[in-house]
Amino acid sequence: MINETHRLDAEVRLRPVTAADAASLAGSMTRSRAYMRPWEPRRPDAFYTEEGQRQRLAGLLADREAGRAMAWVLADEEDRAIGGFNLNAIALGPFRSATLGYWVDVEYTGRGLATAAVRKICDLARDELRLHRVEAGTVTANTASQRVLTKCGFEQFGLAPRYLHIDGEWRDHRLFQRILHDGPLTGEPAAPGA
């Protein structure tokens, strides 16, 4: 299991998510709901509650235990979750790939935290999970997220029409990938939830 904590700046750390993060995630997501609306699916009000986050985390942690996902939070000085970063759809074998998703609390944007976290997660994906590539997609108008990905070495490789249902409509997405290494398949990756 990837269980290390990494300091991103003087106040914020990147650490694996736990079930105990439900309440702070609910607060952060509620606070950031209007800000993230153009980039997120529409969700029921229950999603933004502690119980809604507890249910979401149960599924995410089960996926981690099964080796299908790895999830982190940004944690502030009081260890409250103020952002989320996930590697989903982890595939091993000859593909060795995952899909990256992330968000940062509205009160912490513009500080370079997403860039620092994505860089660190790519290092962990390469060194711990032994992945070859990481993929990410953004709504075409999400230039801030596209800048993060570009700064972290991702390259756009496609445009997916009507890719995801975001903010009430099927939205086109720019698809990015970062090749983490071109070396041989050696060793078994550390299981995300082992």
N, C-alpha and C. Protein backbone atom coordinates (compact mmCIF):
# COMPACT_ATOMS: atom_id res chain seq x y z
N MET A 1 0.84 -1.18 0.00
CA MET A 1 0.00 0.00 0.00
C MET A 1 0.89 1.24 0.00
N ILE A 2 0.51 2.21 -0.77
CA ILE A 2 1.21 3.48 -0.73
C ILE A 2 0.65 4.24 0.46
N ASN A 3 1.47 4.41 1.50
CA ASN A 3 0.92 5.04 2.70
C ASN A 3 1.76 6.22 3.19
N GLU A 4 2.69 6.68 2.39
CA GLU A 4 3.51 7.80 2.80
C GLU A 4 2.74 9.11 2.71
N THR A 5 3.18 10.06 3.55
CA THR A 5 2.66 11.43 3.52
C THR A 5 3.75 12.31 2.94
N HIS A 6 3.37 13.25 2.08
CA HIS A 6 4.34 14.13 1.41
C HIS A 6 3.93 15.58 1.61
N ARG A 7 4.84 16.38 2.15
CA ARG A 7 4.58 17.81 2.35
C ARG A 7 4.68 18.51 1.00
N LEU A 8 3.64 19.30 0.67
CA LEU A 8 3.61 20.04 -0.59
C LEU A 8 3.99 21.50 -0.40
N ASP A 9 3.68 22.05 0.77
CA ASP A 9 4.12 23.39 1.15
C ASP A 9 4.13 23.44 2.67
N ALA A 10 4.30 24.62 3.22
CA ALA A 10 4.42 24.75 4.68
C ALA A 10 3.16 24.30 5.43
N GLU A 11 2.00 24.33 4.77
CA GLU A 11 0.74 24.03 5.44
C GLU A 11 0.04 22.77 4.95
N VAL A 12 0.37 22.28 3.77
CA VAL A 12 -0.44 21.24 3.13
C VAL A 12 0.39 20.01 2.81
N ARG A 13 -0.23 18.85 3.11
CA ARG A 13 0.39 17.56 2.83
C ARG A 13 -0.51 16.74 1.91
N LEU A 14 0.10 15.83 1.18
CA LEU A 14 -0.61 14.84 0.37
C LEU A 14 -0.48 13.52 1.12
N ARG A 15 -1.63 12.90 1.43
CA ARG A 15 -1.61 11.62 2.14
C ARG A 15 -2.74 10.74 1.64
N PRO A 16 -2.64 9.42 1.84
CA PRO A 16 -3.72 8.55 1.42
C PRO A 16 -5.02 8.89 2.15
N VAL A 17 -6.12 8.80 1.44
CA VAL A 17 -7.43 9.07 2.01
C VAL A 17 -7.78 7.97 3.01
N THR A 18 -8.56 8.32 4.03
CA THR A 18 -9.08 7.34 4.98
C THR A 18 -10.58 7.58 5.15
N ALA A 19 -11.25 6.61 5.73
CA ALA A 19 -12.69 6.75 6.00
C ALA A 19 -12.96 7.91 6.94
N ALA A 20 -12.00 8.25 7.78
CA ALA A 20 -12.17 9.35 8.73
C ALA A 20 -12.21 10.72 8.05
N ASP A 21 -11.93 10.78 6.76
CA ASP A 21 -11.94 12.05 6.02
C ASP A 21 -13.34 12.46 5.56
N ALA A 22 -14.35 11.67 5.83
CA ALA A 22 -15.70 11.94 5.31
C ALA A 22 -16.21 13.32 5.68
N ALA A 23 -16.10 13.70 6.94
CA ALA A 23 -16.66 14.98 7.39
C ALA A 23 -15.93 16.16 6.76
N SER A 24 -14.60 16.13 6.75
CA SER A 24 -13.87 17.26 6.17
C SER A 24 -14.03 17.32 4.66
N LEU A 25 -14.13 16.17 4.01
CA LEU A 25 -14.39 16.19 2.56
C LEU A 25 -15.76 16.79 2.27
N ALA A 26 -16.76 16.44 3.07
CA ALA A 26 -18.10 17.01 2.88
C ALA A 26 -18.05 18.52 3.03
N GLY A 27 -17.35 19.02 4.01
CA GLY A 27 -17.23 20.46 4.20
C GLY A 27 -16.50 21.15 3.07
N SER A 28 -15.40 20.57 2.63
CA SER A 28 -14.62 21.15 1.54
C SER A 28 -15.39 21.13 0.23
N MET A 29 -16.06 20.02 -0.05
CA MET A 29 -16.83 19.92 -1.29
C MET A 29 -18.02 20.88 -1.27
N THR A 30 -18.65 21.04 -0.13
CA THR A 30 -19.76 21.99 -0.02
C THR A 30 -19.27 23.40 -0.26
N ARG A 31 -18.17 23.75 0.38
CA ARG A 31 -17.58 25.09 0.23
C ARG A 31 -17.19 25.36 -1.23
N SER A 32 -16.75 24.34 -1.94
CA SER A 32 -16.23 24.48 -3.30
C SER A 32 -17.26 24.16 -4.38
N ARG A 33 -18.48 23.82 -3.98
CA ARG A 33 -19.49 23.32 -4.92
C ARG A 33 -19.74 24.28 -6.09
N ALA A 34 -19.99 25.53 -5.81
CA ALA A 34 -20.27 26.49 -6.89
C ALA A 34 -19.04 26.70 -7.77
N TYR A 35 -17.87 26.77 -7.16
CA TYR A 35 -16.62 26.96 -7.89
C TYR A 35 -16.37 25.80 -8.87
N MET A 36 -16.63 24.57 -8.43
CA MET A 36 -16.33 23.39 -9.25
C MET A 36 -17.47 23.00 -10.19
N ARG A 37 -18.59 23.68 -10.10
CA ARG A 37 -19.76 23.29 -10.89
C ARG A 37 -19.48 23.13 -12.39
N PRO A 38 -18.72 24.02 -13.04
CA PRO A 38 -18.49 23.84 -14.49
C PRO A 38 -17.67 22.61 -14.85
N TRP A 39 -17.00 22.01 -13.86
CA TRP A 39 -16.09 20.89 -14.14
C TRP A 39 -16.57 19.57 -13.58
N GLU A 40 -17.71 19.56 -12.91
CA GLU A 40 -18.16 18.37 -12.20
C GLU A 40 -19.53 17.90 -12.68
N PRO A 41 -19.83 16.61 -12.49
CA PRO A 41 -21.21 16.14 -12.73
C PRO A 41 -22.14 16.78 -11.71
N ARG A 42 -23.40 16.89 -12.05
CA ARG A 42 -24.39 17.33 -11.06
C ARG A 42 -24.64 16.16 -10.12
N ARG A 43 -24.62 16.49 -8.84
CA ARG A 43 -24.77 15.44 -7.84
C ARG A 43 -25.90 15.80 -6.89
N PRO A 44 -26.54 14.79 -6.29
CA PRO A 44 -27.61 15.08 -5.32
C PRO A 44 -27.04 15.75 -4.08
N ASP A 45 -27.87 16.48 -3.37
CA ASP A 45 -27.43 17.16 -2.16
C ASP A 45 -26.80 16.20 -1.15
N ALA A 46 -27.27 14.97 -1.12
CA ALA A 46 -26.74 13.98 -0.16
C ALA A 46 -25.25 13.71 -0.38
N PHE A 47 -24.77 13.87 -1.60
CA PHE A 47 -23.35 13.67 -1.90
C PHE A 47 -22.48 14.59 -1.05
N TYR A 48 -22.97 15.76 -0.73
CA TYR A 48 -22.20 16.78 -0.02
C TYR A 48 -22.32 16.68 1.50
N THR A 49 -22.88 15.59 1.98
CA THR A 49 -23.01 15.36 3.42
C THR A 49 -21.93 14.40 3.90
N GLU A 50 -21.74 14.35 5.20
CA GLU A 50 -20.77 13.41 5.76
C GLU A 50 -21.14 11.97 5.41
N GLU A 51 -22.42 11.64 5.50
CA GLU A 51 -22.85 10.28 5.15
C GLU A 51 -22.63 10.00 3.66
N GLY A 52 -22.91 10.97 2.81
CA GLY A 52 -22.66 10.79 1.39
C GLY A 52 -21.20 10.55 1.09
N GLN A 53 -20.32 11.27 1.77
CA GLN A 53 -18.88 11.07 1.58
C GLN A 53 -18.43 9.74 2.20
N ARG A 54 -19.04 9.36 3.30
CA ARG A 54 -18.70 8.06 3.89
C ARG A 54 -19.01 6.93 2.90
N GLN A 55 -20.15 7.02 2.23
CA GLN A 55 -20.52 6.00 1.24
C GLN A 55 -19.56 6.03 0.05
N ARG A 56 -19.23 7.23 -0.43
CA ARG A 56 -18.30 7.35 -1.55
C ARG A 56 -16.93 6.77 -1.19
N LEU A 57 -16.46 7.10 0.02
CA LEU A 57 -15.15 6.61 0.46
C LEU A 57 -15.14 5.09 0.63
N ALA A 58 -16.24 4.52 1.07
CA ALA A 58 -16.31 3.05 1.22
C ALA A 58 -16.05 2.39 -0.13
N GLY A 59 -16.66 2.91 -1.19
CA GLY A 59 -16.42 2.35 -2.52
C GLY A 59 -14.99 2.58 -2.99
N LEU A 60 -14.49 3.77 -2.75
CA LEU A 60 -13.12 4.10 -3.16
C LEU A 60 -12.09 3.25 -2.42
N LEU A 61 -12.29 3.06 -1.12
CA LEU A 61 -11.36 2.24 -0.35
C LEU A 61 -11.46 0.77 -0.74
N ALA A 62 -12.64 0.30 -1.10
CA ALA A 62 -12.78 -1.07 -1.60
C ALA A 62 -12.04 -1.23 -2.92
N ASP A 63 -12.13 -0.24 -3.79
CA ASP A 63 -11.38 -0.28 -5.05
C ASP A 63 -9.88 -0.27 -4.79
N ARG A 64 -9.43 0.48 -3.77
CA ARG A 64 -8.01 0.48 -3.43
C ARG A 64 -7.59 -0.91 -2.96
N GLU A 65 -8.38 -1.51 -2.09
CA GLU A 65 -8.06 -2.86 -1.59
C GLU A 65 -7.98 -3.88 -2.73
N ALA A 66 -8.80 -3.69 -3.75
CA ALA A 66 -8.82 -4.61 -4.90
C ALA A 66 -7.75 -4.28 -5.93
N GLY A 67 -6.99 -3.20 -5.71
CA GLY A 67 -5.93 -2.84 -6.65
C GLY A 67 -6.41 -2.06 -7.85
N ARG A 68 -7.66 -1.57 -7.81
CA ARG A 68 -8.22 -0.84 -8.96
C ARG A 68 -8.05 0.67 -8.86
N ALA A 69 -7.68 1.18 -7.67
CA ALA A 69 -7.58 2.63 -7.48
C ALA A 69 -6.61 2.95 -6.35
N MET A 70 -6.14 4.17 -6.35
CA MET A 70 -5.37 4.72 -5.23
C MET A 70 -5.83 6.15 -5.06
N ALA A 71 -6.14 6.52 -3.83
CA ALA A 71 -6.71 7.85 -3.58
C ALA A 71 -5.94 8.56 -2.48
N TRP A 72 -5.79 9.87 -2.67
CA TRP A 72 -5.12 10.73 -1.71
C TRP A 72 -6.01 11.94 -1.43
N VAL A 73 -5.70 12.62 -0.33
CA VAL A 73 -6.29 13.92 -0.05
C VAL A 73 -5.16 14.91 0.19
N LEU A 74 -5.47 16.18 -0.07
CA LEU A 74 -4.65 17.25 0.45
C LEU A 74 -5.14 17.48 1.87
N ALA A 75 -4.23 17.59 2.82
CA ALA A 75 -4.60 17.79 4.21
C ALA A 75 -3.95 19.07 4.72
N ASP A 76 -4.74 19.90 5.41
CA ASP A 76 -4.23 21.16 5.95
C ASP A 76 -3.53 20.92 7.29
N GLU A 77 -3.16 22.00 7.97
CA GLU A 77 -2.41 21.89 9.23
C GLU A 77 -3.17 21.11 10.30
N GLU A 78 -4.50 21.17 10.27
CA GLU A 78 -5.31 20.42 11.24
C GLU A 78 -5.68 19.02 10.72
N ASP A 79 -5.08 18.61 9.63
CA ASP A 79 -5.31 17.31 8.98
C ASP A 79 -6.72 17.17 8.41
N ARG A 80 -7.34 18.31 8.04
CA ARG A 80 -8.63 18.28 7.35
C ARG A 80 -8.38 18.13 5.85
N ALA A 81 -9.19 17.32 5.20
CA ALA A 81 -9.09 17.12 3.75
C ALA A 81 -9.58 18.36 3.03
N ILE A 82 -8.75 18.88 2.11
CA ILE A 82 -9.07 20.09 1.36
C ILE A 82 -8.86 19.88 -0.15
N GLY A 83 -8.92 18.65 -0.57
CA GLY A 83 -8.77 18.34 -1.99
C GLY A 83 -8.63 16.84 -2.13
N GLY A 84 -8.89 16.35 -3.33
CA GLY A 84 -8.80 14.92 -3.58
C GLY A 84 -8.11 14.62 -4.89
N PHE A 85 -7.33 13.54 -4.89
CA PHE A 85 -6.59 13.08 -6.07
C PHE A 85 -6.74 11.57 -6.15
N ASN A 86 -7.16 11.08 -7.30
CA ASN A 86 -7.40 9.65 -7.46
C ASN A 86 -6.70 9.13 -8.71
N LEU A 87 -6.11 7.96 -8.59
CA LEU A 87 -5.75 7.16 -9.76
C LEU A 87 -6.81 6.08 -9.83
N ASN A 88 -7.60 6.11 -10.88
CA ASN A 88 -8.70 5.16 -11.07
C ASN A 88 -8.38 4.24 -12.25
N ALA A 89 -9.15 3.18 -12.35
CA ALA A 89 -9.03 2.23 -13.46
C ALA A 89 -7.59 1.78 -13.65
N ILE A 90 -6.93 1.43 -12.53
CA ILE A 90 -5.55 0.95 -12.63
C ILE A 90 -5.55 -0.37 -13.37
N ALA A 91 -4.78 -0.42 -14.44
CA ALA A 91 -4.65 -1.63 -15.26
C ALA A 91 -3.19 -2.04 -15.28
N LEU A 92 -2.93 -3.31 -15.04
CA LEU A 92 -1.56 -3.80 -15.04
C LEU A 92 -1.31 -4.59 -16.32
N GLY A 93 -0.54 -5.63 -16.27
CA GLY A 93 -0.22 -6.38 -17.48
C GLY A 93 0.56 -5.50 -18.44
N PRO A 94 0.35 -5.70 -19.74
CA PRO A 94 1.12 -4.93 -20.71
C PRO A 94 0.67 -3.47 -20.83
N PHE A 95 -0.47 -3.10 -20.25
CA PHE A 95 -0.97 -1.72 -20.36
C PHE A 95 -0.35 -0.83 -19.28
N ARG A 96 -0.40 -1.23 -18.03
CA ARG A 96 0.18 -0.49 -16.90
C ARG A 96 -0.18 0.99 -16.93
N SER A 97 -1.45 1.25 -16.78
CA SER A 97 -1.98 2.59 -16.94
C SER A 97 -3.03 2.88 -15.87
N ALA A 98 -3.33 4.17 -15.67
CA ALA A 98 -4.39 4.59 -14.76
C ALA A 98 -4.91 5.94 -15.24
N THR A 99 -6.10 6.29 -14.75
CA THR A 99 -6.72 7.57 -15.06
C THR A 99 -6.68 8.44 -13.81
N LEU A 100 -6.21 9.68 -13.97
CA LEU A 100 -6.06 10.62 -12.88
C LEU A 100 -7.24 11.58 -12.83
N GLY A 101 -7.77 11.80 -11.65
CA GLY A 101 -8.77 12.83 -11.40
C GLY A 101 -8.38 13.61 -10.16
N TYR A 102 -8.73 14.90 -10.10
CA TYR A 102 -8.35 15.68 -8.93
C TYR A 102 -9.18 16.94 -8.81
N TRP A 103 -9.18 17.50 -7.60
CA TRP A 103 -9.82 18.78 -7.31
C TRP A 103 -9.14 19.38 -6.08
N VAL A 104 -9.21 20.69 -5.96
CA VAL A 104 -8.64 21.42 -4.82
C VAL A 104 -9.70 22.37 -4.30
N ASP A 105 -9.82 22.43 -2.98
CA ASP A 105 -10.75 23.33 -2.30
C ASP A 105 -10.59 24.75 -2.83
N VAL A 106 -11.71 25.43 -3.03
CA VAL A 106 -11.72 26.79 -3.58
C VAL A 106 -10.83 27.74 -2.78
N GLU A 107 -10.70 27.53 -1.48
CA GLU A 107 -9.88 28.42 -0.65
C GLU A 107 -8.38 28.17 -0.80
N TYR A 108 -8.00 27.12 -1.53
CA TYR A 108 -6.59 26.76 -1.67
C TYR A 108 -6.11 26.77 -3.13
N THR A 109 -6.94 27.22 -4.05
CA THR A 109 -6.54 27.24 -5.45
C THR A 109 -5.51 28.34 -5.69
N GLY A 110 -4.77 28.19 -6.78
CA GLY A 110 -3.81 29.21 -7.18
C GLY A 110 -2.51 29.19 -6.40
N ARG A 111 -2.28 28.16 -5.60
CA ARG A 111 -1.05 28.07 -4.79
C ARG A 111 -0.07 27.04 -5.32
N GLY A 112 -0.38 26.41 -6.45
CA GLY A 112 0.51 25.39 -7.00
C GLY A 112 0.36 24.03 -6.36
N LEU A 113 -0.67 23.84 -5.54
CA LEU A 113 -0.85 22.56 -4.85
C LEU A 113 -1.21 21.43 -5.81
N ALA A 114 -2.08 21.71 -6.77
CA ALA A 114 -2.45 20.67 -7.73
C ALA A 114 -1.23 20.23 -8.53
N THR A 115 -0.42 21.18 -8.96
CA THR A 115 0.79 20.84 -9.72
C THR A 115 1.74 19.99 -8.88
N ALA A 116 1.98 20.40 -7.64
CA ALA A 116 2.88 19.64 -6.77
C ALA A 116 2.34 18.23 -6.51
N ALA A 117 1.03 18.13 -6.28
CA ALA A 117 0.43 16.82 -6.00
C ALA A 117 0.47 15.92 -7.23
N VAL A 118 0.14 16.45 -8.40
CA VAL A 118 0.16 15.63 -9.62
C VAL A 118 1.58 15.14 -9.90
N ARG A 119 2.57 15.99 -9.72
CA ARG A 119 3.97 15.55 -9.91
C ARG A 119 4.31 14.40 -8.98
N LYS A 120 3.96 14.54 -7.71
CA LYS A 120 4.27 13.50 -6.73
C LYS A 120 3.52 12.21 -7.06
N ILE A 121 2.26 12.32 -7.44
CA ILE A 121 1.47 11.13 -7.77
C ILE A 121 2.05 10.42 -9.00
N CYS A 122 2.51 11.17 -9.97
CA CYS A 122 3.15 10.53 -11.13
C CYS A 122 4.42 9.79 -10.71
N ASP A 123 5.20 10.36 -9.80
CA ASP A 123 6.38 9.65 -9.28
C ASP A 123 5.98 8.36 -8.59
N LEU A 124 4.95 8.42 -7.75
CA LEU A 124 4.49 7.23 -7.05
C LEU A 124 3.91 6.19 -8.01
N ALA A 125 3.19 6.66 -9.03
CA ALA A 125 2.63 5.74 -10.03
C ALA A 125 3.75 4.99 -10.76
N ARG A 126 4.83 5.69 -11.04
CA ARG A 126 5.97 5.06 -11.72
C ARG A 126 6.74 4.14 -10.77
N ASP A 127 7.11 4.66 -9.60
CA ASP A 127 8.04 3.95 -8.72
C ASP A 127 7.38 2.90 -7.84
N GLU A 128 6.17 3.15 -7.37
CA GLU A 128 5.50 2.21 -6.47
C GLU A 128 4.52 1.29 -7.19
N LEU A 129 3.72 1.86 -8.08
CA LEU A 129 2.73 1.05 -8.80
C LEU A 129 3.29 0.47 -10.10
N ARG A 130 4.46 0.95 -10.50
CA ARG A 130 5.16 0.49 -11.71
C ARG A 130 4.31 0.68 -12.97
N LEU A 131 3.58 1.82 -13.01
CA LEU A 131 2.78 2.12 -14.18
C LEU A 131 3.64 2.72 -15.29
N HIS A 132 3.20 2.54 -16.51
CA HIS A 132 3.87 3.09 -17.69
C HIS A 132 3.33 4.47 -18.04
N ARG A 133 2.04 4.69 -17.81
CA ARG A 133 1.42 5.96 -18.20
C ARG A 133 0.27 6.31 -17.26
N VAL A 134 -0.04 7.61 -17.25
CA VAL A 134 -1.21 8.13 -16.54
C VAL A 134 -1.96 9.01 -17.53
N GLU A 135 -3.27 8.87 -17.55
CA GLU A 135 -4.15 9.62 -18.44
C GLU A 135 -5.03 10.54 -17.61
N ALA A 136 -5.40 11.68 -18.19
CA ALA A 136 -6.34 12.60 -17.54
C ALA A 136 -7.15 13.30 -18.63
N GLY A 137 -8.37 13.70 -18.30
CA GLY A 137 -9.20 14.44 -19.23
C GLY A 137 -9.74 15.69 -18.55
N THR A 138 -9.91 16.74 -19.34
CA THR A 138 -10.50 17.97 -18.82
C THR A 138 -11.57 18.48 -19.77
N VAL A 139 -12.58 19.11 -19.22
CA VAL A 139 -13.54 19.84 -20.05
C VAL A 139 -12.72 20.82 -20.89
N THR A 140 -13.09 21.02 -22.13
CA THR A 140 -12.26 21.84 -23.02
C THR A 140 -12.01 23.25 -22.48
N ALA A 141 -12.93 23.80 -21.72
CA ALA A 141 -12.77 25.16 -21.20
C ALA A 141 -11.96 25.23 -19.90
N ASN A 142 -11.56 24.10 -19.35
CA ASN A 142 -10.86 24.09 -18.07
C ASN A 142 -9.35 24.31 -18.29
N THR A 143 -9.01 25.55 -18.63
CA THR A 143 -7.62 25.87 -18.94
C THR A 143 -6.71 25.78 -17.72
N ALA A 144 -7.22 26.03 -16.51
CA ALA A 144 -6.39 25.92 -15.31
C ALA A 144 -5.90 24.49 -15.12
N SER A 145 -6.80 23.53 -15.27
CA SER A 145 -6.41 22.12 -15.13
C SER A 145 -5.49 21.70 -16.27
N GLN A 146 -5.72 22.21 -17.45
CA GLN A 146 -4.84 21.90 -18.58
C GLN A 146 -3.42 22.43 -18.33
N ARG A 147 -3.32 23.61 -17.70
CA ARG A 147 -1.99 24.15 -17.35
C ARG A 147 -1.29 23.25 -16.33
N VAL A 148 -2.03 22.77 -15.34
CA VAL A 148 -1.45 21.85 -14.35
C VAL A 148 -0.88 20.63 -15.06
N LEU A 149 -1.67 20.02 -15.91
CA LEU A 149 -1.22 18.81 -16.60
C LEU A 149 0.00 19.08 -17.46
N THR A 150 -0.02 20.18 -18.20
CA THR A 150 1.12 20.52 -19.06
C THR A 150 2.38 20.74 -18.24
N LYS A 151 2.27 21.46 -17.13
CA LYS A 151 3.42 21.69 -16.24
C LYS A 151 3.98 20.38 -15.71
N CYS A 152 3.14 19.37 -15.58
CA CYS A 152 3.55 18.08 -15.03
C CYS A 152 3.99 17.09 -16.09
N GLY A 153 4.16 17.55 -17.32
CA GLY A 153 4.69 16.69 -18.37
C GLY A 153 3.66 15.91 -19.16
N PHE A 154 2.39 16.22 -18.99
CA PHE A 154 1.35 15.57 -19.79
C PHE A 154 1.28 16.22 -21.16
N GLU A 155 0.93 15.42 -22.15
CA GLU A 155 0.74 15.91 -23.51
C GLU A 155 -0.68 15.59 -23.95
N GLN A 156 -1.30 16.52 -24.66
CA GLN A 156 -2.64 16.24 -25.19
C GLN A 156 -2.51 15.23 -26.32
N PHE A 157 -3.36 14.21 -26.29
CA PHE A 157 -3.32 13.21 -27.35
C PHE A 157 -4.65 13.03 -28.05
N GLY A 158 -5.66 13.77 -27.63
CA GLY A 158 -6.93 13.62 -28.32
C GLY A 158 -8.00 14.56 -27.78
N LEU A 159 -9.10 14.57 -28.52
CA LEU A 159 -10.29 15.31 -28.13
C LEU A 159 -11.45 14.31 -28.18
N ALA A 160 -12.16 14.18 -27.07
CA ALA A 160 -13.26 13.23 -26.98
C ALA A 160 -14.58 13.99 -26.99
N PRO A 161 -15.33 13.93 -28.08
CA PRO A 161 -16.62 14.62 -28.15
C PRO A 161 -17.63 14.00 -27.18
N ARG A 162 -18.38 14.88 -26.50
CA ARG A 162 -19.45 14.45 -25.60
C ARG A 162 -18.99 13.31 -24.68
N TYR A 163 -17.88 13.50 -24.04
CA TYR A 163 -17.17 12.47 -23.27
C TYR A 163 -17.82 12.16 -21.92
N LEU A 164 -18.14 13.21 -21.16
CA LEU A 164 -18.74 13.03 -19.83
C LEU A 164 -19.90 13.99 -19.64
N HIS A 165 -20.85 13.58 -18.81
CA HIS A 165 -22.00 14.43 -18.49
C HIS A 165 -21.59 15.34 -17.34
N ILE A 166 -21.26 16.58 -17.66
CA ILE A 166 -20.73 17.55 -16.71
C ILE A 166 -21.66 18.75 -16.66
N ASP A 167 -22.00 19.18 -15.47
CA ASP A 167 -22.85 20.36 -15.26
C ASP A 167 -24.09 20.33 -16.16
N GLY A 168 -24.70 19.16 -16.27
CA GLY A 168 -25.98 19.04 -16.95
C GLY A 168 -25.94 18.80 -18.44
N GLU A 169 -24.73 18.69 -19.04
CA GLU A 169 -24.64 18.44 -20.49
C GLU A 169 -23.48 17.50 -20.78
N TRP A 170 -23.57 16.81 -21.93
CA TRP A 170 -22.46 16.00 -22.40
C TRP A 170 -21.39 16.96 -22.92
N ARG A 171 -20.21 16.91 -22.31
CA ARG A 171 -19.15 17.88 -22.62
C ARG A 171 -17.97 17.22 -23.33
N ASP A 172 -17.45 17.96 -24.31
CA ASP A 172 -16.20 17.55 -24.95
C ASP A 172 -15.06 17.65 -23.94
N HIS A 173 -14.09 16.77 -24.06
CA HIS A 173 -12.92 16.76 -23.18
C HIS A 173 -11.63 16.67 -23.99
N ARG A 174 -10.64 17.39 -23.50
CA ARG A 174 -9.27 17.21 -24.00
C ARG A 174 -8.66 16.07 -23.21
N LEU A 175 -8.02 15.14 -23.91
CA LEU A 175 -7.40 13.98 -23.27
C LEU A 175 -5.89 14.17 -23.25
N PHE A 176 -5.30 13.93 -22.09
CA PHE A 176 -3.87 14.08 -21.88
C PHE A 176 -3.29 12.78 -21.36
N GLN A 177 -2.01 12.58 -21.61
CA GLN A 177 -1.31 11.45 -21.01
C GLN A 177 0.12 11.86 -20.69
N ARG A 178 0.66 11.17 -19.72
CA ARG A 178 2.08 11.31 -19.41
C ARG A 178 2.67 9.91 -19.41
N ILE A 179 3.68 9.73 -20.25
CA ILE A 179 4.43 8.48 -20.25
C ILE A 179 5.43 8.58 -19.10
N LEU A 180 5.36 7.63 -18.18
CA LEU A 180 6.19 7.68 -16.99
C LEU A 180 7.57 7.07 -17.19
N HIS A 181 7.65 6.09 -18.06
CA HIS A 181 8.94 5.46 -18.40
C HIS A 181 8.74 4.59 -19.63
N ASP A 182 9.82 4.25 -20.26
CA ASP A 182 9.79 3.33 -21.40
C ASP A 182 10.60 2.08 -21.13
N GLY A 183 10.84 1.80 -19.86
CA GLY A 183 11.63 0.64 -19.49
C GLY A 183 10.83 -0.65 -19.60
N PRO A 184 11.52 -1.77 -19.35
CA PRO A 184 10.86 -3.07 -19.43
C PRO A 184 9.90 -3.27 -18.26
N LEU A 185 9.04 -4.25 -18.40
CA LEU A 185 8.14 -4.63 -17.32
C LEU A 185 8.97 -5.46 -16.35
N THR A 186 9.30 -4.87 -15.20
CA THR A 186 10.10 -5.58 -14.21
C THR A 186 9.42 -5.50 -12.85
N GLY A 187 9.46 -6.59 -12.13
CA GLY A 187 8.91 -6.61 -10.79
C GLY A 187 7.40 -6.42 -10.76
N GLU A 188 6.85 -6.77 -9.66
CA GLU A 188 5.42 -6.56 -9.45
C GLU A 188 5.21 -5.24 -8.74
N PRO A 189 4.17 -4.53 -9.12
CA PRO A 189 3.89 -3.26 -8.45
C PRO A 189 3.45 -3.49 -7.01
N ALA A 190 3.64 -2.47 -6.20
CA ALA A 190 3.08 -2.49 -4.86
C ALA A 190 1.58 -2.40 -5.00
N ALA A 191 0.85 -3.33 -4.43
CA ALA A 191 -0.62 -3.30 -4.51
C ALA A 191 -1.12 -2.08 -3.78
N PRO A 192 -2.03 -1.29 -4.39
CA PRO A 192 -2.52 -0.10 -3.73
C PRO A 192 -3.12 -0.35 -2.36
N GLY A 193 -3.74 -1.50 -2.17
CA GLY A 193 -4.40 -1.75 -0.90
C GLY A 193 -3.84 -2.91 -0.11
N ALA A 194 -2.69 -3.41 -0.49
CA ALA A 194 -2.12 -4.58 0.19
C ALA A 194 -1.56 -4.22 1.55
